[in-house]
Amino acid sequence: MRVGDPVRQGRRSRTVPGEWPEPYRGGMSDPGPGPVTVFLLDDHEIVRRGLRELLEDAGGFEVVGEAGTAAEAVARIPALRPDVAILDARLPDGSGIEVCREVRSREPHTRALVLTSYDDDDSLFAAIMAGAAGYVLKQVGGRDLVETVRRVAAGQSMLDPAVTAQVLERVRLGPPVDDELAALTAREQRILELIGRGLTNREIAAELFLAEKTVKNYVSALLAKLGLTSRTQAAIFAVKHPRSEG
């Protein structure tokens, strides 16, 4: 996936990162003392190179590491402890959203910015639930992206204006259909609730005093019962259909 240019191309178009607008060299946000440390995750080397050049040319940033796969990112980011991790949403071995959830559970200091070519509701909402500080379309201009990274590093939560309305609409959804939870046991409903809160299998196991393998089995069972195919879908379902207390 490549970073698109909104001026010359359409919503899902792509271009070489070297065609970013002139780098941003100042702004409203103060990155604080020392450079903002950044980690880059994208499965295309040319995209990582373009992002690195964009940030380094802007000044005030230091790219401390990069990865082309989700597995490599999960292993490296907690050790490097960057201020901001820019994560490609879709990867050959997973997703930036999954990386965000895992990294945030291990290293809350690192703030995640999901950079994607796609603006589907499910991915957006899943990114928010995973703890992402921002979800930005790759069509964003270079100047705006630099400012977004600065703001995220400063502790602000950023959402692309083009998708903010989608989040608000999802939050305003009507009451859940409780019948859809009827097929699940009480234990499965509790695990689904914890998935919706963004907990990993390891964290759920600790919460419920279960073996991690047991939790994995429960997750597989509830996915099958609900007709879902991924943990992200389960997390979205859990938010739309909260478990009744009592």
C-alpha atoms as a PDB file:
ATOM      1  CA  MET A   1       0.000   0.000   0.000  1.00  0.00           C
ATOM      2  CA  ARG A   2       1.209   3.484  -0.867  1.00  0.00           C
ATOM      3  CA  VAL A   3       0.504   6.930   0.384  1.00  0.00           C
ATOM      4  CA  GLY A   4      -2.000   8.708  -1.872  1.00  0.00           C
ATOM      5  CA  ASP A   5      -2.103  12.298  -3.045  1.00  0.00           C
ATOM      6  CA  PRO A   6      -5.611  13.783  -2.569  1.00  0.00           C
ATOM      7  CA  VAL A   7      -4.930  16.670  -4.929  1.00  0.00           C
ATOM      8  CA  ARG A   8      -4.255  14.611  -8.017  1.00  0.00           C
ATOM      9  CA  GLN A   9      -5.872  11.265  -7.272  1.00  0.00           C
ATOM     10  CA  GLY A  10      -9.115   9.801  -5.974  1.00  0.00           C
ATOM     11  CA  ARG A  11     -10.128   8.599  -2.566  1.00  0.00           C
ATOM     12  CA  ARG A  12      -8.464   5.180  -2.803  1.00  0.00           C
ATOM     13  CA  SER A  13      -5.709   6.128  -5.213  1.00  0.00           C
ATOM     14  CA  ARG A  14      -2.059   5.575  -4.548  1.00  0.00           C
ATOM     15  CA  THR A  15       1.230   7.271  -5.329  1.00  0.00           C
ATOM     16  CA  VAL A  16       4.900   7.122  -4.457  1.00  0.00           C
ATOM     17  CA  PRO A  17       5.661   8.593  -0.987  1.00  0.00           C
ATOM     18  CA  GLY A  18       8.283  10.834  -2.530  1.00  0.00           C
ATOM     19  CA  GLU A  19       5.404  12.912  -3.940  1.00  0.00           C
ATOM     20  CA  TRP A  20       4.347  14.181  -0.500  1.00  0.00           C
ATOM     21  CA  PRO A  21       3.804  17.976  -0.382  1.00  0.00           C
ATOM     22  CA  GLU A  22       6.661  20.111   0.883  1.00  0.00           C
ATOM     23  CA  PRO A  23       7.463  18.976   4.463  1.00  0.00           C
ATOM     24  CA  TYR A  24       5.917  20.839   7.351  1.00  0.00           C
ATOM     25  CA  ARG A  25       8.527  22.811   9.315  1.00  0.00           C
ATOM     26  CA  GLY A  26       6.513  24.245  12.131  1.00  0.00           C
ATOM     27  CA  GLY A  27       3.066  24.094  13.652  1.00  0.00           C
ATOM     28  CA  MET A  28       0.644  24.648  16.461  1.00  0.00           C
ATOM     29  CA  SER A  29       1.792  21.709  18.537  1.00  0.00           C
ATOM     30  CA  ASP A  30       4.936  21.774  20.640  1.00  0.00           C
ATOM     31  CA  PRO A  31       6.652  18.358  20.527  1.00  0.00           C
ATOM     32  CA  GLY A  32       8.464  19.173  23.774  1.00  0.00           C
ATOM     33  CA  PRO A  33      12.175  18.800  24.579  1.00  0.00           C
ATOM     34  CA  GLY A  34      14.076  16.411  22.359  1.00  0.00           C
ATOM     35  CA  PRO A  35      12.867  14.788  19.139  1.00  0.00           C
ATOM     36  CA  VAL A  36       9.643  12.778  18.928  1.00  0.00           C
ATOM     37  CA  THR A  37      10.672   9.154  18.490  1.00  0.00           C
ATOM     38  CA  VAL A  38       8.721   7.232  15.859  1.00  0.00           C
ATOM     39  CA  PHE A  39       8.412   3.608  14.732  1.00  0.00           C
ATOM     40  CA  LEU A  40       7.167   2.806  11.217  1.00  0.00           C
ATOM     41  CA  LEU A  41       5.201  -0.313  10.264  1.00  0.00           C
ATOM     42  CA  ASP A  42       4.330  -0.911   6.608  1.00  0.00           C
ATOM     43  CA  ASP A  43       4.859  -3.924   4.387  1.00  0.00           C
ATOM     44  CA  HIS A  44       6.196  -1.734   1.553  1.00  0.00           C
ATOM     45  CA  GLU A  45       9.754  -0.482   1.981  1.00  0.00           C
ATOM     46  CA  ILE A  46       9.161   2.476  -0.331  1.00  0.00           C
ATOM     47  CA  VAL A  47       6.322   3.685   1.899  1.00  0.00           C
ATOM     48  CA  ARG A  48       8.485   3.412   5.014  1.00  0.00           C
ATOM     49  CA  ARG A  49      11.268   5.289   3.246  1.00  0.00           C
ATOM     50  CA  GLY A  50       8.868   8.044   2.192  1.00  0.00           C
ATOM     51  CA  LEU A  51       7.484   8.425   5.707  1.00  0.00           C
ATOM     52  CA  ARG A  52      10.983   8.493   7.194  1.00  0.00           C
ATOM     53  CA  GLU A  53      12.098  11.227   4.789  1.00  0.00           C
ATOM     54  CA  LEU A  54       8.927  13.221   5.398  1.00  0.00           C
ATOM     55  CA  LEU A  55       9.369  13.194   9.171  1.00  0.00           C
ATOM     56  CA  GLU A  56      13.121  13.748   9.202  1.00  0.00           C
ATOM     57  CA  ASP A  57      12.857  16.639   6.727  1.00  0.00           C
ATOM     58  CA  ALA A  58      10.170  18.237   8.899  1.00  0.00           C
ATOM     59  CA  GLY A  59      12.533  18.291  11.882  1.00  0.00           C
ATOM     60  CA  GLY A  60      11.864  17.341  15.474  1.00  0.00           C
ATOM     61  CA  PHE A  61      11.466  13.624  14.741  1.00  0.00           C
ATOM     62  CA  GLU A  62      13.715  10.590  15.064  1.00  0.00           C
ATOM     63  CA  VAL A  63      12.704   7.327  13.398  1.00  0.00           C
ATOM     64  CA  VAL A  64      14.065   4.743  15.824  1.00  0.00           C
ATOM     65  CA  GLY A  65      12.908   1.625  14.014  1.00  0.00           C
ATOM     66  CA  GLU A  66      10.740   0.098  11.337  1.00  0.00           C
ATOM     67  CA  ALA A  67       9.181  -3.218  10.373  1.00  0.00           C
ATOM     68  CA  GLY A  68       7.444  -4.812   7.426  1.00  0.00           C
ATOM     69  CA  THR A  69       5.381  -7.401   9.320  1.00  0.00           C
ATOM     70  CA  ALA A  70       3.088  -7.433  12.332  1.00  0.00           C
ATOM     71  CA  ALA A  71       5.190 -10.066  14.095  1.00  0.00           C
ATOM     72  CA  GLU A  72       8.362  -8.035  13.760  1.00  0.00           C
ATOM     73  CA  ALA A  73       6.621  -4.888  14.992  1.00  0.00           C
ATOM     74  CA  VAL A  74       5.188  -6.598  18.082  1.00  0.00           C
ATOM     75  CA  ALA A  75       8.671  -7.831  18.944  1.00  0.00           C
ATOM     76  CA  ARG A  76      10.507  -4.533  18.352  1.00  0.00           C
ATOM     77  CA  ILE A  77       8.191  -1.727  19.445  1.00  0.00           C
ATOM     78  CA  PRO A  78       8.048  -2.543  23.193  1.00  0.00           C
ATOM     79  CA  ALA A  79      11.848  -2.765  23.283  1.00  0.00           C
ATOM     80  CA  LEU A  80      12.346   0.572  21.505  1.00  0.00           C
ATOM     81  CA  ARG A  81       9.537   2.393  23.384  1.00  0.00           C
ATOM     82  CA  PRO A  82       8.892   5.050  20.704  1.00  0.00           C
ATOM     83  CA  ASP A  83       6.632   8.003  21.417  1.00  0.00           C
ATOM     84  CA  VAL A  84       4.513   7.204  18.363  1.00  0.00           C
ATOM     85  CA  ALA A  85       4.062   4.079  16.238  1.00  0.00           C
ATOM     86  CA  ILE A  86       2.676   4.672  12.736  1.00  0.00           C
ATOM     87  CA  LEU A  87       0.968   1.421  11.794  1.00  0.00           C
ATOM     88  CA  ASP A  88      -0.250   0.226   8.414  1.00  0.00           C
ATOM     89  CA  ALA A  89      -3.765  -1.162   8.915  1.00  0.00           C
ATOM     90  CA  ARG A  90      -3.412  -4.164   6.603  1.00  0.00           C
ATOM     91  CA  LEU A  91      -0.383  -6.439   6.577  1.00  0.00           C
ATOM     92  CA  PRO A  92       0.426  -9.867   5.121  1.00  0.00           C
ATOM     93  CA  ASP A  93       0.547 -11.513   8.565  1.00  0.00           C
ATOM     94  CA  GLY A  94      -2.046  -9.494  10.464  1.00  0.00           C
ATOM     95  CA  SER A  95      -3.048  -5.886  10.915  1.00  0.00           C
ATOM     96  CA  GLY A  96      -1.797  -2.686  12.453  1.00  0.00           C
ATOM     97  CA  ILE A  97      -4.887  -2.745  14.665  1.00  0.00           C
ATOM     98  CA  GLU A  98      -3.819  -6.049  16.204  1.00  0.00           C
ATOM     99  CA  VAL A  99      -0.313  -4.660  16.649  1.00  0.00           C
ATOM    100  CA  CYS A 100      -1.790  -1.584  18.316  1.00  0.00           C
ATOM    101  CA  ARG A 101      -3.785  -3.689  20.781  1.00  0.00           C
ATOM    102  CA  GLU A 102      -0.785  -5.857  21.677  1.00  0.00           C
ATOM    103  CA  VAL A 103       1.711  -2.995  21.963  1.00  0.00           C
ATOM    104  CA  ARG A 104      -0.633  -0.830  24.032  1.00  0.00           C
ATOM    105  CA  SER A 105      -1.176  -3.696  26.482  1.00  0.00           C
ATOM    106  CA  ARG A 106       2.595  -4.037  26.951  1.00  0.00           C
ATOM    107  CA  GLU A 107       3.787  -0.462  26.491  1.00  0.00           C
ATOM    108  CA  PRO A 108       1.049   2.122  27.216  1.00  0.00           C
ATOM    109  CA  HIS A 109       3.602   4.927  26.762  1.00  0.00           C
ATOM    110  CA  THR A 110       3.617   4.376  23.000  1.00  0.00           C
ATOM    111  CA  ARG A 111       0.765   6.058  21.158  1.00  0.00           C
ATOM    112  CA  ALA A 112      -0.439   4.444  17.939  1.00  0.00           C
ATOM    113  CA  LEU A 113      -1.489   6.128  14.718  1.00  0.00           C
ATOM    114  CA  VAL A 114      -3.163   3.810  12.195  1.00  0.00           C
ATOM    115  CA  LEU A 115      -2.491   4.842   8.594  1.00  0.00           C
ATOM    116  CA  THR A 116      -4.747   3.173   6.041  1.00  0.00           C
ATOM    117  CA  SER A 117      -6.083   3.332   2.493  1.00  0.00           C
ATOM    118  CA  TYR A 118      -9.475   2.116   3.656  1.00  0.00           C
ATOM    119  CA  ASP A 119     -12.141   3.915   5.684  1.00  0.00           C
ATOM    120  CA  ASP A 120     -14.545   1.063   6.453  1.00  0.00           C
ATOM    121  CA  ASP A 121     -16.495   1.405   9.689  1.00  0.00           C
ATOM    122  CA  ASP A 122     -15.408  -1.878  11.230  1.00  0.00           C
ATOM    123  CA  SER A 123     -11.682  -1.181  10.948  1.00  0.00           C
ATOM    124  CA  LEU A 124     -12.126   2.341  12.238  1.00  0.00           C
ATOM    125  CA  PHE A 125     -14.099   1.272  15.263  1.00  0.00           C
ATOM    126  CA  ALA A 126     -11.733  -1.632  15.960  1.00  0.00           C
ATOM    127  CA  ALA A 127      -8.765   0.759  15.898  1.00  0.00           C
ATOM    128  CA  ILE A 128     -10.427   2.980  18.483  1.00  0.00           C
ATOM    129  CA  MET A 129     -11.196   0.010  20.709  1.00  0.00           C
ATOM    130  CA  ALA A 130      -7.606  -1.192  20.371  1.00  0.00           C
ATOM    131  CA  GLY A 131      -6.419   2.092  21.841  1.00  0.00           C
ATOM    132  CA  ALA A 132      -5.272   3.932  18.718  1.00  0.00           C
ATOM    133  CA  ALA A 133      -4.796   7.670  19.167  1.00  0.00           C
ATOM    134  CA  GLY A 134      -5.622   8.323  15.530  1.00  0.00           C
ATOM    135  CA  TYR A 135      -6.938   6.671  12.366  1.00  0.00           C
ATOM    136  CA  VAL A 136      -5.816   8.555   9.265  1.00  0.00           C
ATOM    137  CA  LEU A 137      -6.448   7.853   5.610  1.00  0.00           C
ATOM    138  CA  LYS A 138      -3.350   7.609   3.414  1.00  0.00           C
ATOM    139  CA  GLN A 139      -4.772  10.320   1.205  1.00  0.00           C
ATOM    140  CA  VAL A 140      -3.819  12.819   3.922  1.00  0.00           C
ATOM    141  CA  GLY A 141      -1.318  15.466   2.850  1.00  0.00           C
ATOM    142  CA  GLY A 142       2.245  15.333   4.132  1.00  0.00           C
ATOM    143  CA  ARG A 143       1.911  18.607   6.041  1.00  0.00           C
ATOM    144  CA  ASP A 144      -1.226  17.387   7.823  1.00  0.00           C
ATOM    145  CA  LEU A 145       0.288  14.009   8.634  1.00  0.00           C
ATOM    146  CA  VAL A 146       3.330  15.605  10.258  1.00  0.00           C
ATOM    147  CA  GLU A 147       1.099  17.819  12.388  1.00  0.00           C
ATOM    148  CA  THR A 148      -1.043  14.801  13.324  1.00  0.00           C
ATOM    149  CA  VAL A 149       2.030  12.896  14.514  1.00  0.00           C
ATOM    150  CA  ARG A 150       3.111  15.909  16.572  1.00  0.00           C
ATOM    151  CA  ARG A 151      -0.312  16.171  18.191  1.00  0.00           C
ATOM    152  CA  VAL A 152      -0.504  12.447  18.914  1.00  0.00           C
ATOM    153  CA  ALA A 153       2.944  12.600  20.529  1.00  0.00           C
ATOM    154  CA  ALA A 154       1.693  15.513  22.652  1.00  0.00           C
ATOM    155  CA  GLY A 155      -1.092  13.337  24.019  1.00  0.00           C
ATOM    156  CA  GLN A 156      -3.984  14.409  21.826  1.00  0.00           C
ATOM    157  CA  SER A 157      -6.443  11.946  20.307  1.00  0.00           C
ATOM    158  CA  MET A 158      -6.761  12.507  16.559  1.00  0.00           C
ATOM    159  CA  LEU A 159      -9.397  11.297  14.141  1.00  0.00           C
ATOM    160  CA  ASP A 160      -9.466  12.066  10.444  1.00  0.00           C
ATOM    161  CA  PRO A 161     -12.352  14.533   9.903  1.00  0.00           C
ATOM    162  CA  ALA A 162     -13.603  12.373   7.023  1.00  0.00           C
ATOM    163  CA  VAL A 163     -14.395   9.489   9.361  1.00  0.00           C
ATOM    164  CA  THR A 164     -15.373  11.262  12.589  1.00  0.00           C
ATOM    165  CA  ALA A 165     -19.041  11.193  11.613  1.00  0.00           C
ATOM    166  CA  GLN A 166     -18.868   7.412  11.227  1.00  0.00           C
ATOM    167  CA  VAL A 167     -17.654   7.020  14.798  1.00  0.00           C
ATOM    168  CA  LEU A 168     -20.403   9.229  16.153  1.00  0.00           C
ATOM    169  CA  GLU A 169     -23.007   7.270  14.232  1.00  0.00           C
ATOM    170  CA  ARG A 170     -21.707   3.974  15.623  1.00  0.00           C
ATOM    171  CA  VAL A 171     -21.781   5.354  19.174  1.00  0.00           C
ATOM    172  CA  ARG A 172     -25.379   6.449  18.669  1.00  0.00           C
ATOM    173  CA  LEU A 173     -26.548   2.971  17.651  1.00  0.00           C
ATOM    174  CA  GLY A 174     -29.750   1.812  19.249  1.00  0.00           C
ATOM    175  CA  PRO A 175     -30.152  -0.750  22.057  1.00  0.00           C
ATOM    176  CA  PRO A 176     -28.598  -4.185  21.525  1.00  0.00           C
ATOM    177  CA  VAL A 177     -30.536  -7.217  20.436  1.00  0.00           C
ATOM    178  CA  ASP A 178     -30.118  -9.464  23.446  1.00  0.00           C
ATOM    179  CA  ASP A 179     -31.362 -12.518  21.547  1.00  0.00           C
ATOM    180  CA  GLU A 180     -28.089 -12.586  19.627  1.00  0.00           C
ATOM    181  CA  LEU A 181     -26.242 -13.378  22.872  1.00  0.00           C
ATOM    182  CA  ALA A 182     -28.615 -16.180  23.850  1.00  0.00           C
ATOM    183  CA  ALA A 183     -26.518 -18.819  22.086  1.00  0.00           C
ATOM    184  CA  LEU A 184     -23.529 -18.064  24.328  1.00  0.00           C
ATOM    185  CA  THR A 185     -22.895 -19.430  27.787  1.00  0.00           C
ATOM    186  CA  ALA A 186     -22.373 -16.979  30.648  1.00  0.00           C
ATOM    187  CA  ARG A 187     -18.619 -17.615  30.480  1.00  0.00           C
ATOM    188  CA  GLU A 188     -18.540 -16.988  26.726  1.00  0.00           C
ATOM    189  CA  GLN A 189     -20.518 -13.768  27.181  1.00  0.00           C
ATOM    190  CA  ARG A 190     -18.039 -12.584  29.807  1.00  0.00           C
ATOM    191  CA  ILE A 191     -15.088 -13.358  27.512  1.00  0.00           C
ATOM    192  CA  LEU A 192     -16.828 -11.555  24.642  1.00  0.00           C
ATOM    193  CA  GLU A 193     -17.268  -8.527  26.902  1.00  0.00           C
ATOM    194  CA  LEU A 194     -13.545  -8.511  27.723  1.00  0.00           C
ATOM    195  CA  ILE A 195     -12.656  -8.814  24.043  1.00  0.00           C
ATOM    196  CA  GLY A 196     -14.787  -5.730  23.477  1.00  0.00           C
ATOM    197  CA  ARG A 197     -12.736  -3.901  26.099  1.00  0.00           C
ATOM    198  CA  GLY A 198      -9.601  -4.655  24.079  1.00  0.00           C
ATOM    199  CA  LEU A 199      -8.056  -7.305  26.350  1.00  0.00           C
ATOM    200  CA  THR A 200      -5.732  -9.931  24.891  1.00  0.00           C
ATOM    201  CA  ASN A 201      -6.196 -13.652  25.576  1.00  0.00           C
ATOM    202  CA  ARG A 202      -3.426 -13.458  28.157  1.00  0.00           C
ATOM    203  CA  GLU A 203      -5.127 -10.575  29.966  1.00  0.00           C
ATOM    204  CA  ILE A 204      -8.505 -12.342  29.855  1.00  0.00           C
ATOM    205  CA  ALA A 205      -6.912 -15.468  31.298  1.00  0.00           C
ATOM    206  CA  ALA A 206      -5.504 -13.454  34.196  1.00  0.00           C
ATOM    207  CA  GLU A 207      -8.829 -11.687  34.753  1.00  0.00           C
ATOM    208  CA  LEU A 208     -10.834 -14.930  34.882  1.00  0.00           C
ATOM    209  CA  PHE A 209      -8.141 -17.160  36.416  1.00  0.00           C
ATOM    210  CA  LEU A 210      -8.079 -19.440  33.392  1.00  0.00           C
ATOM    211  CA  ALA A 211      -5.328 -20.913  31.260  1.00  0.00           C
ATOM    212  CA  GLU A 212      -4.573 -18.899  28.130  1.00  0.00           C
ATOM    213  CA  LYS A 213      -5.243 -21.984  25.994  1.00  0.00           C
ATOM    214  CA  THR A 214      -8.667 -22.334  27.626  1.00  0.00           C
ATOM    215  CA  VAL A 215      -9.485 -18.735  26.744  1.00  0.00           C
ATOM    216  CA  LYS A 216      -8.430 -19.367  23.152  1.00  0.00           C
ATOM    217  CA  ASN A 217     -10.837 -22.319  23.013  1.00  0.00           C
ATOM    218  CA  TYR A 218     -13.660 -20.178  24.390  1.00  0.00           C
ATOM    219  CA  VAL A 219     -12.933 -17.481  21.800  1.00  0.00           C
ATOM    220  CA  SER A 220     -13.041 -20.009  18.960  1.00  0.00           C
ATOM    221  CA  ALA A 221     -16.340 -21.387  20.261  1.00  0.00           C
ATOM    222  CA  LEU A 222     -18.039 -18.011  20.587  1.00  0.00           C
ATOM    223  CA  LEU A 223     -16.858 -16.923  17.149  1.00  0.00           C
ATOM    224  CA  ALA A 224     -18.418 -20.054  15.663  1.00  0.00           C
ATOM    225  CA  LYS A 225     -21.699 -19.564  17.543  1.00  0.00           C
ATOM    226  CA  LEU A 226     -22.014 -15.939  16.452  1.00  0.00           C
ATOM    227  CA  GLY A 227     -21.025 -16.641  12.853  1.00  0.00           C
ATOM    228  CA  LEU A 228     -17.979 -14.377  13.103  1.00  0.00           C
ATOM    229  CA  THR A 229     -14.577 -14.953  11.550  1.00  0.00           C
ATOM    230  CA  SER A 230     -12.217 -12.670  13.449  1.00  0.00           C
ATOM    231  CA  ARG A 231     -11.454 -11.221  16.847  1.00  0.00           C
ATOM    232  CA  THR A 232     -12.017  -7.727  15.452  1.00  0.00           C
ATOM    233  CA  GLN A 233     -15.573  -8.656  14.463  1.00  0.00           C
ATOM    234  CA  ALA A 234     -16.116 -10.066  17.948  1.00  0.00           C
ATOM    235  CA  ALA A 235     -14.894  -6.832  19.537  1.00  0.00           C
ATOM    236  CA  ILE A 236     -17.279  -4.788  17.410  1.00  0.00           C
ATOM    237  CA  PHE A 237     -20.152  -7.172  18.196  1.00  0.00           C
ATOM    238  CA  ALA A 238     -19.406  -6.879  21.919  1.00  0.00           C
ATOM    239  CA  VAL A 239     -19.658  -3.089  21.816  1.00  0.00           C
ATOM    240  CA  LYS A 240     -22.894  -3.169  19.828  1.00  0.00           C
ATOM    241  CA  HIS A 241     -24.397  -5.840  22.097  1.00  0.00           C
ATOM    242  CA  PRO A 242     -23.235  -5.219  25.687  1.00  0.00           C
ATOM    243  CA  ARG A 243     -23.868  -7.973  28.188  1.00  0.00           C
ATOM    244  CA  SER A 244     -26.660  -7.304  30.669  1.00  0.00           C
ATOM    245  CA  GLU A 245     -25.581  -7.240  34.294  1.00  0.00           C
ATOM    246  CA  GLY A 246     -27.233  -9.332  36.950  1.00  0.00           C
END
